[in-house]
Amino acid sequence: MRFLRFLGRELVLHGILFAVVGTVVLSALYLLSIGAPANAYLDAAKSFWLLISGSKDYSMMHPGFSSSQIIASGAAVTLPLALISLILLIIIALICSANAVTGRYLEVNHGEKKVEIVHRIVSVITSFFAAVPLFVGFWFLYAAIGDGISIPLIALLTVLLGGLSWDATNFLKTDMLSQVDSTHAIVYSTLGHSLGLFFPMPGTYSGYLFSSSLPRFIPYLAGKVPAIIGSVTIAEVAFSFPGLGSTLLDALLATNTDLLVTSVFILLCVNAVVSFIVKTILFLIYPRVYEKAI
C-alpha cells in the first residue's frame, strides 16, 4: 500500500500531472509575453493534444511521427546528459567531503595538516569555478575548443561551472563535519577502521559518516534536479548540441508553437524522470525519510 501511494504521488502527481500542467502554463506564459493572437493559443492547445494523444499527424513539421517517437528522440540526448551530470555531481561531492572529514580528523587527532591544506586549496579552486556564470564559462570553452566536445566533458563542465558541485559538496561536507564530534563518530573512529581519505567506502571512517548523512543528501539531490536540467539545456545551446535546449531556443526564436510545446513537454518529462529515479532510491532505502520529506 505504501508503494502504491509512492507511485501515485511521484509518478502521477509529480510526473504526469507536473509535465502536462507545466507545459500548458509555460506555453501560455510565452504566448502571452509575445502578445500572440487568440488563434495562437488554440493552435498550441491543438498541437499539445495531438502530441499527448500519440497522433501521427502531430504537425506539418513532424509528418508521420508519433508523440512517443518525438519524445524518445529528444530524451535520447538530454536524459543521458542529465543523468551523467547527476552522477558526476555525486562523485565530486563524495570525494571532496571524504577528504574534508578525514583531513579534519588527521589535523585534530594527529596534528597532520597536509590533507587539510590540500582540501583548502581545492575549495578555493572550486569556489572560483562556482563564481563563473555557466554560460560565460561555456562561451570561453567554445571559443577555445569549438563544438567538437564529448557528452562526458559537457556533463563535467555543467556541474563544475555555476556552483552545482560547489553547493553539493558544501551541503554534504557540512553535514558530515557536524557529526565528527558526536559520540557515535568518536567511538567508531577508535575501532581501527581505515579513514577513507579519497572516497567514503563502506567500513571506513568517512564512509560511516556518509551513511549517516545519506538520508539528508538524497532529498537534497532530488531538489537539485531542476537546476541540473536547466544547466544541461544551457550547455546544449552553448555547444550547439542536438538536444532539447537548442531545440527550445530555435522554437522561441522562430515562434514555432509546435516545436515550443514539444520541447517544453519533453524537458519537463526529463526533469520528472530524473527526479523520480532519485526519489525511488530514497523511498527504497529510507521509506520513513521519504514520507517526512514530502
Foldseek 3Di string as FASTA:
>chain_A
DLVVVLCCCQCPVVFVVQLVVQLLVVLVVLCVVVVHDPVLNVVLVQLLVQLVVQHQPSDPVRHRGTNVRLLCVQCVPLLVLLVLLLVLLVLLLQQLLLLCLVQVVCCVPPVDNPSVVVSVVVLVVLVVQLPAALLNVLQVVCVVPNLPDDSNVLSNSLCSHNCNSVVLNVVQNVQLNVCCPPPVLVVLVPPPFASQNRGLDPRHSSVVSSVVCVLVSLVVSLVCLVVSLVSSLSSCCSSVNPHLNVQCVVCSVVVPSSSNSSSSSSSSNSSSVVSSVSLVVSCVVPVPSSVVSD
